[in-house]
Amino acid sequence: MSEQHAHDVAFVRTEFVPESPPPGVASGPVKWMRENLFASPANSVLTLLSIYAIYLILSPTLPWILNGVWTASSLSECREILNGTSGACFAVLTERWPQLLYGFKYPADEYWRPTLAFVLLFIAAAPVLFFDLPRKLLIFTGLYPFLAFWLIWGGTILTPLLALAGCVVGGLVYQRLVASNFAAGFFGGIVAALVVWTLGGVLIPEGASDNALLPAVPSRDLGGFMLNMMLGVTCVSLSLPIGIALALGRQSSMPLIKWICVVFIEFIRGVPLITLLFVASVMLSYFFPPESTVDLFLRVVIMITMFSSAYIAEVIRGGLAALPRGQYEAADSLGLDYAQAMRLIILPQALKISIPGIVNVAVGLFKDTTLVSVISMFDLVGMIRGPILASTEWNGVYWELLGFAAALFFVVCYGISQYSQWLERRLATDHR
């Protein structure tokens, strides 16, 4: 081979060139800032203005928080400790945290009962929220409402057992009748459960709570953030199946069922929740037999559940309307009856589409539980506005208490929102 021809042959490297790190402007924090904060002149100006606004907010707030007093017995003692300097009086939280969480009447030596019920709530909700867990855990989920009722209220264990028996009988009647007609199965199950509860209430002997394992706590002694959690969890759990039934009833081919659902939904959605709470406090007891004493907590749960179920029904109806007609025809071509088609084909898709709307209603409902303070139920806001601010020791402490309440509600609502976004991504609700 000639020397000229040898120079024409390309050189082939026998080893890899060591990798070099990417330039600083193409990765890491610099890249993120260029793409998100300084992508254009307009974005750069808005970023600088936002940083300045955050500075204006934090410059007086952070010293006030960091200089806060956590140990004092009154507002005047806090001011003496601060000696004229700016600082928060967080001592009201360390002094009154049991009242903020449990109310001022719940027995102090029984705080472990609602705390245990709150911890068990996560175990019971796990198989429902995260469907990769073993299905056997759903047994505990079904038993949890009755266990939590007994833990929080105490008294005889016969009451939650009677409630469980009524639900079991109602479920069996529903399974027998739903194959022929969904409405008949749904209302038949409710009637069967009510019959069992009525007959069982007569059989429970008077004074059965006297020898109970857990001392009975009246509902009027419930309060604080515990009351908000109980109302929120109970009403959301009940309003979802009722909302599904109302949405299906509004689309029913039976005129009577359809118009009952339409009138109920439109009437409830046209009335403010605070009006329904006043009805629950004053008038709802007149709709029950004269000898019955319906607890105020139960009346409030009924009204809030009715209110939220009407809104959830419209959300789910929108999800049903978003499905193409071919899904219904596919169910008919498979020979499925109405209940099977709704359970296996229609409702799973409609509920996936309706997740954002359902979560929006749930978050709004949880925040609206603070309205019960207007009917003399001492929830978290009621405790702040009532016994705590009315006391001479802490009269004048506002930002610390209201900020604590806002933080608790933000944590719960933000957690619900983040879970819904995870669920949407997991179920691919955009149908890509």
Protein backbone atom coordinates (compact mmCIF):
# COMPACT_ATOMS: atom_id res chain seq x y z
CA MET A 1 0.00 0.00 0.00
CA SER A 2 1.39 3.37 -0.97
CA GLU A 3 2.01 6.08 1.60
CA GLN A 4 -0.62 8.35 -0.02
CA HIS A 5 -3.26 5.60 0.13
CA ALA A 6 -2.47 4.92 3.80
CA HIS A 7 -3.20 8.52 4.69
CA ASP A 8 -6.61 8.25 2.98
CA VAL A 9 -7.79 5.49 5.40
CA ALA A 10 -9.89 6.89 8.32
CA PHE A 11 -8.65 6.24 11.81
CA VAL A 12 -10.95 4.10 13.93
CA ARG A 13 -10.74 4.67 17.70
CA THR A 14 -10.43 1.52 19.74
CA GLU A 15 -11.71 2.93 23.06
CA PHE A 16 -14.53 5.28 24.14
CA VAL A 17 -13.91 8.92 24.83
CA PRO A 18 -14.56 9.68 28.55
CA GLU A 19 -17.96 11.28 29.08
CA SER A 20 -17.94 14.97 29.89
CA PRO A 21 -20.53 16.57 32.17
CA PRO A 22 -23.14 18.66 30.38
CA PRO A 23 -22.67 22.39 30.48
CA GLY A 24 -24.16 24.19 33.47
CA VAL A 25 -26.73 25.98 31.34
CA ALA A 26 -28.14 22.66 30.04
CA SER A 27 -28.79 20.79 33.30
CA GLY A 28 -29.41 21.23 36.98
CA PRO A 29 -30.82 24.30 38.72
CA VAL A 30 -29.58 26.72 36.06
CA LYS A 31 -31.50 24.90 33.34
CA TRP A 32 -34.65 24.76 35.48
CA MET A 33 -34.46 28.49 36.25
CA ARG A 34 -33.93 29.39 32.60
CA GLU A 35 -36.92 27.29 31.48
CA ASN A 36 -39.34 28.17 34.29
CA LEU A 37 -38.35 31.55 35.72
CA PHE A 38 -36.44 33.44 33.03
CA ALA A 39 -37.67 31.89 29.78
CA SER A 40 -38.55 35.30 28.29
CA PRO A 41 -38.26 38.97 29.24
CA ALA A 42 -41.87 39.01 30.43
CA ASN A 43 -41.32 35.92 32.61
CA SER A 44 -38.16 37.48 34.03
CA VAL A 45 -40.03 40.63 35.03
CA LEU A 46 -42.84 38.61 36.63
CA THR A 47 -40.31 36.47 38.50
CA LEU A 48 -38.54 39.50 39.93
CA LEU A 49 -41.86 41.08 40.93
CA SER A 50 -42.94 37.83 42.60
CA ILE A 51 -39.67 37.62 44.54
CA TYR A 52 -40.16 41.20 45.71
CA ALA A 53 -43.76 40.47 46.78
CA ILE A 54 -42.61 37.40 48.73
CA TYR A 55 -39.96 39.53 50.42
CA LEU A 56 -42.55 42.13 51.43
CA ILE A 57 -44.69 39.39 52.99
CA LEU A 58 -41.94 37.44 54.75
CA SER A 59 -39.84 40.34 56.01
CA PRO A 60 -42.32 41.26 58.77
CA THR A 61 -43.82 37.76 59.15
CA LEU A 62 -40.73 35.63 59.73
CA PRO A 63 -39.41 37.68 62.67
CA TRP A 64 -42.89 37.61 64.19
CA ILE A 65 -42.96 33.80 63.92
CA LEU A 66 -39.37 33.13 64.95
CA ASN A 67 -39.68 35.43 67.95
CA GLY A 68 -42.84 33.69 69.15
CA VAL A 69 -43.47 32.71 72.76
CA TRP A 70 -44.47 29.09 73.39
CA THR A 71 -44.63 28.97 77.19
CA ALA A 72 -46.98 31.38 78.93
CA SER A 73 -50.27 31.19 80.80
CA SER A 74 -51.96 34.25 79.30
CA LEU A 75 -51.68 36.93 76.65
CA SER A 76 -50.49 39.48 79.21
CA GLU A 77 -47.65 37.17 80.24
CA CYS A 78 -46.70 36.77 76.56
CA ARG A 79 -46.46 40.54 76.22
CA GLU A 80 -44.33 40.77 79.32
CA ILE A 81 -41.92 38.19 77.90
CA LEU A 82 -41.75 39.94 74.54
CA ASN A 83 -41.16 43.29 76.29
CA GLY A 84 -42.39 45.41 73.42
CA THR A 85 -40.76 43.42 70.61
CA SER A 86 -42.74 41.88 67.78
CA GLY A 87 -43.58 38.22 68.29
CA ALA A 88 -46.37 35.70 68.18
CA CYS A 89 -48.04 34.28 71.25
CA PHE A 90 -48.01 30.59 70.36
CA ALA A 91 -48.47 29.76 74.02
CA VAL A 92 -52.21 29.68 73.39
CA LEU A 93 -51.64 26.59 71.23
CA THR A 94 -49.56 24.76 73.82
CA GLU A 95 -52.04 25.76 76.53
CA ARG A 96 -55.30 25.01 74.69
CA TRP A 97 -54.38 22.32 72.17
CA PRO A 98 -56.68 19.69 73.80
CA GLN A 99 -59.66 22.01 73.32
CA LEU A 100 -58.66 22.79 69.74
CA LEU A 101 -58.45 19.10 68.87
CA TYR A 102 -61.07 17.44 71.10
CA GLY A 103 -63.34 20.20 72.41
CA PHE A 104 -63.68 21.45 75.96
CA LYS A 105 -66.14 18.79 77.21
CA TYR A 106 -64.66 15.52 75.97
CA PRO A 107 -63.14 13.66 78.97
CA ALA A 108 -59.40 14.24 79.13
CA ASP A 109 -58.64 10.69 80.21
CA GLU A 110 -60.49 9.39 77.13
CA TYR A 111 -58.49 11.29 74.50
CA TRP A 112 -56.91 8.00 73.43
CA ARG A 113 -60.23 6.84 71.97
CA PRO A 114 -60.65 9.43 69.17
CA THR A 115 -56.89 9.33 68.62
CA LEU A 116 -57.02 5.57 68.08
CA ALA A 117 -60.04 5.97 65.78
CA PHE A 118 -58.09 8.55 63.76
CA VAL A 119 -55.11 6.21 63.35
CA LEU A 120 -57.34 3.28 62.38
CA LEU A 121 -58.95 5.53 59.75
CA PHE A 122 -55.78 5.37 57.64
CA ILE A 123 -55.69 1.57 57.89
CA ALA A 124 -59.35 1.32 56.89
CA ALA A 125 -59.02 3.78 54.01
CA ALA A 126 -55.82 2.26 52.60
CA PRO A 127 -57.40 -0.63 50.60
CA VAL A 128 -60.00 1.77 49.18
CA LEU A 129 -57.55 4.50 48.19
CA PHE A 130 -54.72 2.20 47.04
CA PHE A 131 -56.23 -0.74 45.18
CA ASP A 132 -52.96 -2.69 44.93
CA LEU A 133 -53.32 -3.77 48.56
CA PRO A 134 -54.86 -7.18 49.39
CA ARG A 135 -58.63 -7.19 49.06
CA LYS A 136 -58.95 -8.99 52.39
CA LEU A 137 -58.27 -5.66 54.11
CA LEU A 138 -61.68 -4.48 52.92
CA ILE A 139 -63.19 -6.56 55.72
CA PHE A 140 -61.67 -4.18 58.24
CA THR A 141 -62.78 -1.24 56.08
CA GLY A 142 -66.37 -2.42 56.35
CA LEU A 143 -66.12 -2.91 60.11
CA TYR A 144 -64.30 0.38 60.79
CA PRO A 145 -67.35 2.74 60.89
CA PHE A 146 -68.95 0.69 63.64
CA LEU A 147 -65.69 0.33 65.55
CA ALA A 148 -64.99 4.06 65.30
CA PHE A 149 -68.51 4.85 66.47
CA TRP A 150 -68.03 2.70 69.56
CA LEU A 151 -64.57 4.14 70.28
CA ILE A 152 -65.66 7.78 70.06
CA TRP A 153 -69.13 7.59 71.62
CA GLY A 154 -68.61 4.59 73.88
CA GLY A 155 -71.55 3.03 75.64
CA THR A 156 -72.92 -0.43 74.95
CA ILE A 157 -71.41 -2.38 72.09
CA LEU A 158 -74.90 -3.60 71.16
CA THR A 159 -75.60 -0.33 69.30
CA PRO A 160 -72.81 -0.66 66.68
CA LEU A 161 -73.53 -4.38 66.40
CA LEU A 162 -77.18 -3.59 65.65
CA ALA A 163 -76.12 -1.04 63.04
CA LEU A 164 -73.81 -3.64 61.47
CA ALA A 165 -76.62 -6.22 61.38
CA GLY A 166 -78.93 -3.75 59.64
CA CYS A 167 -76.31 -2.99 56.99
CA VAL A 168 -75.67 -6.71 56.39
CA VAL A 169 -79.38 -7.47 55.97
CA GLY A 170 -79.83 -4.45 53.72
CA GLY A 171 -76.89 -5.58 51.57
CA LEU A 172 -78.34 -9.09 51.22
CA VAL A 173 -81.74 -7.72 50.17
CA TYR A 174 -80.02 -5.42 47.68
CA GLN A 175 -78.16 -8.35 46.08
CA ARG A 176 -81.37 -10.33 45.75
CA LEU A 177 -83.39 -7.56 44.13
CA VAL A 178 -80.81 -5.60 42.12
CA ALA A 179 -80.61 -8.24 39.38
CA SER A 180 -84.21 -7.53 38.38
CA ASN A 181 -84.36 -3.80 39.08
CA PHE A 182 -81.70 -1.45 40.42
CA ALA A 183 -84.14 0.96 42.07
CA ALA A 184 -86.01 -1.90 43.75
CA GLY A 185 -82.77 -3.33 45.10
CA PHE A 186 -81.51 0.03 46.34
CA PHE A 187 -84.68 1.12 48.13
CA GLY A 188 -85.43 -2.44 49.25
CA GLY A 189 -82.05 -2.62 50.97
CA ILE A 190 -82.70 0.68 52.74
CA VAL A 191 -86.12 -0.47 53.96
CA ALA A 192 -84.71 -3.79 55.21
CA ALA A 193 -81.95 -2.01 57.13
CA LEU A 194 -84.44 0.41 58.69
CA VAL A 195 -86.66 -2.50 59.79
CA VAL A 196 -83.74 -4.26 61.49
CA TRP A 197 -82.63 -1.06 63.23
CA THR A 198 -86.17 -0.33 64.44
CA LEU A 199 -86.78 -3.83 65.76
CA GLY A 200 -83.32 -4.03 67.30
CA GLY A 201 -83.71 -0.66 69.03
CA VAL A 202 -86.75 -2.00 70.84
CA LEU A 203 -84.87 -5.09 72.00
CA ILE A 204 -81.87 -3.23 73.47
CA PRO A 205 -82.58 -2.96 77.20
CA GLU A 206 -82.59 0.42 78.92
CA GLY A 207 -79.49 1.14 80.93
CA ALA A 208 -77.35 -1.14 78.76
CA SER A 209 -74.65 1.54 78.71
CA ASP A 210 -74.25 1.52 82.47
CA ASN A 211 -72.01 -1.57 82.43
CA ALA A 212 -70.30 -0.80 79.11
CA LEU A 213 -66.60 -1.34 78.53
CA LEU A 214 -66.18 2.28 77.42
CA PRO A 215 -67.93 5.17 79.19
CA ALA A 216 -70.59 6.81 77.03
CA VAL A 217 -69.81 10.31 75.74
CA PRO A 218 -72.79 12.42 74.56
CA SER A 219 -72.57 14.01 71.13
CA ARG A 220 -72.85 17.48 72.66
CA ASP A 221 -69.43 16.84 74.26
CA LEU A 222 -67.73 16.34 70.89
CA GLY A 223 -65.84 19.31 69.54
CA GLY A 224 -62.66 20.72 68.09
CA PHE A 225 -60.99 19.48 64.94
CA MET A 226 -62.20 15.98 65.81
CA LEU A 227 -65.75 17.12 65.05
CA ASN A 228 -64.69 18.53 61.66
CA MET A 229 -62.97 15.27 60.76
CA MET A 230 -65.96 13.19 61.84
CA LEU A 231 -68.39 15.29 59.84
CA GLY A 232 -66.13 15.40 56.79
CA VAL A 233 -65.32 11.69 56.65
CA THR A 234 -68.87 10.57 57.46
CA CYS A 235 -70.66 12.90 55.04
CA VAL A 236 -68.26 12.31 52.14
CA SER A 237 -68.47 8.53 52.62
CA LEU A 238 -72.26 8.60 52.66
CA SER A 239 -72.79 11.19 49.93
CA LEU A 240 -70.78 9.32 47.29
CA PRO A 241 -73.06 6.23 47.00
CA ILE A 242 -76.17 8.39 47.44
CA GLY A 243 -74.92 10.74 44.72
CA ILE A 244 -74.36 7.79 42.37
CA ALA A 245 -77.89 6.55 43.05
CA LEU A 246 -79.32 10.04 42.42
CA ALA A 247 -77.37 10.41 39.17
CA LEU A 248 -78.61 7.04 37.92
CA GLY A 249 -82.12 7.82 39.13
CA ARG A 250 -82.12 11.10 37.20
CA GLN A 251 -81.38 9.14 34.02
CA SER A 252 -83.92 6.42 34.82
CA SER A 253 -86.68 5.53 32.37
CA MET A 254 -89.16 5.31 35.27
CA PRO A 255 -90.87 8.75 35.46
CA LEU A 256 -91.57 8.62 39.21
CA ILE A 257 -87.97 7.76 40.14
CA LYS A 258 -86.62 10.32 37.68
CA TRP A 259 -88.72 13.23 38.91
CA ILE A 260 -88.09 12.44 42.57
CA CYS A 261 -84.35 12.62 41.92
CA VAL A 262 -84.69 15.78 39.78
CA VAL A 263 -86.75 17.62 42.40
CA PHE A 264 -84.42 16.55 45.21
CA ILE A 265 -81.24 17.60 43.36
CA GLU A 266 -82.56 20.94 42.15
CA PHE A 267 -84.12 21.86 45.49
CA ILE A 268 -81.03 20.99 47.56
CA ARG A 269 -78.68 22.76 45.15
CA GLY A 270 -80.84 25.88 45.32
CA VAL A 271 -80.68 26.18 49.13
CA PRO A 272 -77.58 27.43 51.01
CA LEU A 273 -75.93 24.95 53.33
CA ILE A 274 -76.24 27.28 56.30
CA THR A 275 -80.03 27.26 55.82
CA LEU A 276 -80.04 23.45 55.87
CA LEU A 277 -78.01 23.51 59.07
CA PHE A 278 -80.57 25.75 60.74
CA VAL A 279 -83.26 23.34 59.54
CA ALA A 280 -81.27 20.47 61.08
CA SER A 281 -80.96 22.37 64.35
CA VAL A 282 -84.56 23.56 64.68
CA MET A 283 -87.00 21.78 62.40
CA LEU A 284 -85.67 18.35 61.43
CA SER A 285 -86.62 16.75 64.75
CA TYR A 286 -90.30 17.40 63.93
CA PHE A 287 -90.07 14.91 61.01
CA PHE A 288 -89.30 12.03 63.37
CA PRO A 289 -91.71 10.27 65.75
CA PRO A 290 -92.56 12.33 68.84
CA GLU A 291 -91.03 9.88 71.29
CA SER A 292 -87.71 9.69 69.41
CA THR A 293 -84.83 11.97 70.39
CA VAL A 294 -82.68 12.38 67.29
CA ASP A 295 -79.22 13.61 68.16
CA LEU A 296 -78.08 16.96 66.76
CA PHE A 297 -74.95 15.37 65.29
CA LEU A 298 -77.09 12.89 63.35
CA ARG A 299 -79.35 15.67 62.10
CA VAL A 300 -76.36 17.68 60.89
CA VAL A 301 -74.92 14.60 59.16
CA ILE A 302 -78.24 14.06 57.37
CA MET A 303 -78.40 17.62 56.07
CA ILE A 304 -74.75 17.88 55.03
CA THR A 305 -74.97 14.48 53.32
CA MET A 306 -78.08 15.57 51.42
CA PHE A 307 -76.35 18.78 50.37
CA SER A 308 -73.15 17.13 49.13
CA SER A 309 -74.90 14.17 47.50
CA ALA A 310 -76.90 16.55 45.29
CA TYR A 311 -73.69 18.14 44.00
CA ILE A 312 -71.92 14.80 43.58
CA ALA A 313 -74.94 13.53 41.63
CA GLU A 314 -74.52 16.33 39.08
CA VAL A 315 -70.79 15.67 38.83
CA ILE A 316 -71.37 11.97 38.16
CA ARG A 317 -74.18 12.77 35.72
CA GLY A 318 -71.65 14.80 33.75
CA GLY A 319 -69.33 11.79 33.71
CA LEU A 320 -72.17 9.57 32.47
CA ALA A 321 -73.04 12.06 29.75
CA ALA A 322 -69.40 12.18 28.62
CA LEU A 323 -69.39 8.47 27.72
CA PRO A 324 -70.15 7.66 24.10
CA ARG A 325 -73.33 5.79 23.30
CA GLY A 326 -71.27 2.86 22.09
CA GLN A 327 -70.37 1.91 25.68
CA TYR A 328 -74.04 1.35 26.50
CA GLU A 329 -74.53 -0.59 23.27
CA ALA A 330 -71.48 -2.72 24.04
CA ALA A 331 -72.98 -3.65 27.40
CA ASP A 332 -76.25 -4.59 25.70
CA SER A 333 -74.43 -6.69 23.10
CA LEU A 334 -72.76 -8.68 25.89
CA GLY A 335 -76.15 -9.54 27.34
CA LEU A 336 -75.58 -7.67 30.61
CA ASP A 337 -78.53 -6.46 32.63
CA TYR A 338 -78.76 -2.89 33.95
CA ALA A 339 -76.95 -3.52 37.24
CA GLN A 340 -74.15 -5.50 35.60
CA ALA A 341 -73.66 -2.93 32.85
CA MET A 342 -73.43 -0.08 35.35
CA ARG A 343 -71.12 -1.95 37.71
CA LEU A 344 -68.75 -3.42 35.11
CA ILE A 345 -68.69 -0.99 32.20
CA ILE A 346 -70.44 2.37 32.65
CA LEU A 347 -69.74 3.50 36.21
CA PRO A 348 -65.99 2.67 36.27
CA GLN A 349 -65.45 4.94 33.27
CA ALA A 350 -67.83 7.66 34.47
CA LEU A 351 -66.25 7.76 37.92
CA LYS A 352 -62.77 8.09 36.43
CA ILE A 353 -63.91 11.09 34.42
CA SER A 354 -65.63 12.57 37.49
CA ILE A 355 -62.64 12.35 39.85
CA PRO A 356 -61.72 16.08 39.71
CA GLY A 357 -65.33 17.15 40.32
CA ILE A 358 -65.82 14.68 43.17
CA VAL A 359 -62.62 15.83 44.85
CA ASN A 360 -63.69 19.46 44.44
CA VAL A 361 -66.98 18.72 46.21
CA ALA A 362 -65.18 16.73 48.95
CA VAL A 363 -62.71 19.55 49.65
CA GLY A 364 -65.48 22.16 49.69
CA LEU A 365 -67.58 19.99 51.98
CA PHE A 366 -64.74 19.49 54.45
CA LYS A 367 -64.17 23.24 54.67
CA ASP A 368 -67.92 23.87 55.01
CA THR A 369 -68.03 21.75 58.16
CA THR A 370 -66.91 24.92 59.98
CA LEU A 371 -70.42 26.30 59.38
CA VAL A 372 -71.74 24.10 62.20
CA SER A 373 -70.36 26.69 64.61
CA VAL A 374 -73.39 28.90 63.81
CA ILE A 375 -75.72 26.30 65.37
CA SER A 376 -73.74 26.09 68.62
CA MET A 377 -71.58 23.08 67.70
CA PHE A 378 -68.08 23.75 68.95
CA ASP A 379 -65.89 22.58 66.09
CA LEU A 380 -62.40 24.00 65.59
CA VAL A 381 -63.62 27.44 64.51
CA GLY A 382 -66.37 27.35 67.12
CA MET A 383 -63.81 26.64 69.84
CA ILE A 384 -61.70 29.59 68.70
CA ARG A 385 -64.61 32.01 68.45
CA GLY A 386 -66.27 30.77 71.62
CA PRO A 387 -64.58 29.43 74.73
CA ILE A 388 -60.98 30.36 73.89
CA LEU A 389 -61.39 33.97 72.74
CA ALA A 390 -64.09 34.51 75.36
CA SER A 391 -61.66 33.67 78.15
CA THR A 392 -59.89 36.54 79.88
CA GLU A 393 -56.47 34.87 79.49
CA TRP A 394 -56.47 34.76 75.69
CA ASN A 395 -58.88 37.46 74.61
CA GLY A 396 -57.10 39.25 71.76
CA VAL A 397 -55.14 36.32 70.27
CA TYR A 398 -56.39 35.94 66.69
CA TRP A 399 -53.63 35.32 64.16
CA GLU A 400 -52.09 32.42 66.05
CA LEU A 401 -55.36 30.54 66.49
CA LEU A 402 -56.75 31.19 63.02
CA GLY A 403 -53.38 30.38 61.47
CA PHE A 404 -53.35 27.05 63.31
CA ALA A 405 -56.85 26.27 62.03
CA ALA A 406 -55.85 27.26 58.48
CA ALA A 407 -52.78 25.00 58.66
CA LEU A 408 -54.83 21.97 59.75
CA PHE A 409 -57.41 22.45 56.99
CA PHE A 410 -54.69 23.09 54.41
CA VAL A 411 -52.88 19.85 55.28
CA VAL A 412 -56.06 17.77 54.89
CA CYS A 413 -57.30 19.49 51.73
CA TYR A 414 -53.86 19.48 50.10
CA GLY A 415 -53.51 15.78 50.87
CA ILE A 416 -56.88 15.08 49.23
CA SER A 417 -55.86 17.10 46.18
CA GLN A 418 -52.51 15.35 45.81
CA TYR A 419 -54.14 11.94 46.12
CA SER A 420 -56.68 12.80 43.42
CA GLN A 421 -53.90 13.87 41.06
CA TRP A 422 -52.05 10.62 41.72
CA LEU A 423 -55.25 8.66 41.10
CA GLU A 424 -55.87 10.47 37.82
CA ARG A 425 -52.38 9.63 36.61
CA ARG A 426 -52.75 6.02 37.77
CA LEU A 427 -56.09 5.52 36.05
CA ALA A 428 -55.16 7.59 32.96
CA THR A 429 -58.34 9.61 33.12
CA ASP A 430 -57.44 11.50 29.97
CA HIS A 431 -58.04 8.26 27.97
CA ARG A 432 -54.76 8.52 26.05
